[in-house]
């Protein structure tokens, strides 16, 4: 990652979960460090806040944020960015 500002967030990583229909769903979350700027326009990403979610009987917490530019960050795209 470059010298640009970063932020550390907790995301749901659906790609790391068992395939749907193969048994009980256990949400997989991971903490990643990404750029603090929007990958589409370079503006700020926004301030992360904890969001408690419930899925298939499991509670888990991730971060959500609102980008002032209005571009949407999906957890899948954020995971790819973190892995790059």
C-alpha atoms as a PDB file:
ATOM      1  CA  UNK A   1       0.000   0.000   0.000  1.00  0.00           C
ATOM      2  CA  UNK A   2       1.271   3.497  -0.739  1.00  0.00           C
ATOM      3  CA  UNK A   3       1.932   6.309   1.725  1.00  0.00           C
ATOM      4  CA  UNK A   4      -1.663   7.514   1.470  1.00  0.00           C
ATOM      5  CA  UNK A   5      -3.827   7.479   4.619  1.00  0.00           C
ATOM      6  CA  UNK A   6      -5.331   4.143   5.555  1.00  0.00           C
ATOM      7  CA  UNK A   7      -8.198   2.890   7.680  1.00  0.00           C
ATOM      8  CA  UNK A   8      -8.704  -0.434   9.418  1.00  0.00           C
ATOM      9  CA  UNK A   9     -12.163  -1.975   9.201  1.00  0.00           C
ATOM     10  CA  UNK A  10     -13.896  -5.253   9.973  1.00  0.00           C
ATOM     11  CA  UNK A  11     -15.780  -6.740   7.008  1.00  0.00           C
ATOM     12  CA  UNK A  12     -17.773  -9.867   6.229  1.00  0.00           C
ATOM     13  CA  UNK A  13     -15.858 -12.136   3.872  1.00  0.00           C
ATOM     14  CA  UNK A  14     -18.493 -14.263   2.131  1.00  0.00           C
ATOM     15  CA  UNK A  15     -15.853 -15.806  -0.144  1.00  0.00           C
ATOM     16  CA  UNK A  16     -14.315 -17.488   2.928  1.00  0.00           C
ATOM     17  CA  UNK A  17     -17.633 -18.986   4.090  1.00  0.00           C
ATOM     18  CA  UNK A  18     -18.921 -22.487   3.420  1.00  0.00           C
ATOM     19  CA  UNK A  19     -21.086 -22.723   0.281  1.00  0.00           C
ATOM     20  CA  UNK A  20     -24.771 -22.036   0.806  1.00  0.00           C
ATOM     21  CA  UNK A  21     -26.723 -25.201   1.555  1.00  0.00           C
ATOM     22  CA  UNK A  22     -23.721 -27.115   2.882  1.00  0.00           C
ATOM     23  CA  UNK A  23     -24.667 -26.735   6.526  1.00  0.00           C
ATOM     24  CA  UNK A  24     -25.070 -24.029   9.147  1.00  0.00           C
ATOM     25  CA  UNK A  25     -23.917 -20.609   8.041  1.00  0.00           C
ATOM     26  CA  UNK A  26     -21.213 -19.053  10.178  1.00  0.00           C
ATOM     27  CA  UNK A  27     -20.457 -15.516   9.019  1.00  0.00           C
ATOM     28  CA  UNK A  28     -16.721 -15.023   8.513  1.00  0.00           C
ATOM     29  CA  UNK A  29     -15.435 -11.591   9.422  1.00  0.00           C
ATOM     30  CA  UNK A  30     -11.928 -10.246   9.051  1.00  0.00           C
ATOM     31  CA  UNK A  31     -10.112  -7.075   9.913  1.00  0.00           C
ATOM     32  CA  UNK A  32      -8.411  -5.410   6.943  1.00  0.00           C
ATOM     33  CA  UNK A  33      -6.472  -2.230   6.266  1.00  0.00           C
ATOM     34  CA  UNK A  34      -7.466  -0.276   3.165  1.00  0.00           C
ATOM     35  CA  UNK A  35      -6.932   3.171   1.717  1.00  0.00           C
ATOM     36  CA  UNK A  36      -8.910   5.929   3.429  1.00  0.00           C
ATOM     37  CA  UNK A  37      -9.768   7.316  -0.005  1.00  0.00           C
ATOM     38  CA  UNK A  38     -12.468   6.223  -2.435  1.00  0.00           C
ATOM     39  CA  UNK A  39     -10.982   3.940  -5.118  1.00  0.00           C
ATOM     40  CA  UNK A  40     -13.237   5.507  -7.779  1.00  0.00           C
ATOM     41  CA  UNK A  41     -12.736   9.239  -7.255  1.00  0.00           C
ATOM     42  CA  UNK A  42     -10.027   9.685  -4.606  1.00  0.00           C
ATOM     43  CA  UNK A  43     -12.325  11.469  -2.155  1.00  0.00           C
ATOM     44  CA  UNK A  44     -12.547  10.447   1.514  1.00  0.00           C
ATOM     45  CA  UNK A  45     -14.180   7.123   2.352  1.00  0.00           C
ATOM     46  CA  UNK A  46     -15.912   8.261   5.513  1.00  0.00           C
ATOM     47  CA  UNK A  47     -15.675   7.310   9.170  1.00  0.00           C
ATOM     48  CA  UNK A  48     -16.206   3.620  10.006  1.00  0.00           C
ATOM     49  CA  UNK A  49     -18.802   2.751  12.634  1.00  0.00           C
ATOM     50  CA  UNK A  50     -19.732  -0.624  14.114  1.00  0.00           C
ATOM     51  CA  UNK A  51     -22.853  -2.252  12.692  1.00  0.00           C
ATOM     52  CA  UNK A  52     -24.298  -5.321  14.439  1.00  0.00           C
ATOM     53  CA  UNK A  53     -25.947  -7.750  12.027  1.00  0.00           C
ATOM     54  CA  UNK A  54     -27.908 -10.974  12.291  1.00  0.00           C
ATOM     55  CA  UNK A  55     -27.895 -13.688   9.639  1.00  0.00           C
ATOM     56  CA  UNK A  56     -29.155 -17.282   9.886  1.00  0.00           C
ATOM     57  CA  UNK A  57     -29.201 -17.239  13.684  1.00  0.00           C
ATOM     58  CA  UNK A  58     -25.718 -15.742  14.049  1.00  0.00           C
ATOM     59  CA  UNK A  59     -24.868 -12.260  15.308  1.00  0.00           C
ATOM     60  CA  UNK A  60     -21.712 -10.564  14.081  1.00  0.00           C
ATOM     61  CA  UNK A  61     -20.300  -7.040  13.919  1.00  0.00           C
ATOM     62  CA  UNK A  62     -18.753  -5.308  10.945  1.00  0.00           C
ATOM     63  CA  UNK A  63     -17.932  -1.735  10.067  1.00  0.00           C
ATOM     64  CA  UNK A  64     -19.977   0.413   7.719  1.00  0.00           C
ATOM     65  CA  UNK A  65     -19.185   3.888   6.419  1.00  0.00           C
ATOM     66  CA  UNK A  66     -20.752   6.501   4.195  1.00  0.00           C
ATOM     67  CA  UNK A  67     -18.595   7.965   1.456  1.00  0.00           C
ATOM     68  CA  UNK A  68     -19.328  11.678   0.997  1.00  0.00           C
ATOM     69  CA  UNK A  69     -18.951  11.189  -2.778  1.00  0.00           C
ATOM     70  CA  UNK A  70     -21.780   8.629  -2.823  1.00  0.00           C
ATOM     71  CA  UNK A  71     -19.755   5.755  -4.300  1.00  0.00           C
ATOM     72  CA  UNK A  72     -20.560   2.397  -2.724  1.00  0.00           C
ATOM     73  CA  UNK A  73     -17.936   0.105  -1.209  1.00  0.00           C
ATOM     74  CA  UNK A  74     -18.990  -3.548  -1.222  1.00  0.00           C
ATOM     75  CA  UNK A  75     -17.313  -5.879   1.269  1.00  0.00           C
ATOM     76  CA  UNK A  76     -16.203  -8.064  -1.663  1.00  0.00           C
ATOM     77  CA  UNK A  77     -14.430  -5.119  -3.313  1.00  0.00           C
ATOM     78  CA  UNK A  78     -12.886  -4.055  -0.005  1.00  0.00           C
ATOM     79  CA  UNK A  79     -11.596  -7.625   0.572  1.00  0.00           C
ATOM     80  CA  UNK A  80      -9.998  -7.640  -2.912  1.00  0.00           C
ATOM     81  CA  UNK A  81      -8.406  -4.267  -2.260  1.00  0.00           C
ATOM     82  CA  UNK A  82      -7.005  -5.477   1.071  1.00  0.00           C
ATOM     83  CA  UNK A  83      -5.595  -8.597  -0.558  1.00  0.00           C
ATOM     84  CA  UNK A  84      -3.867  -6.655  -3.355  1.00  0.00           C
END
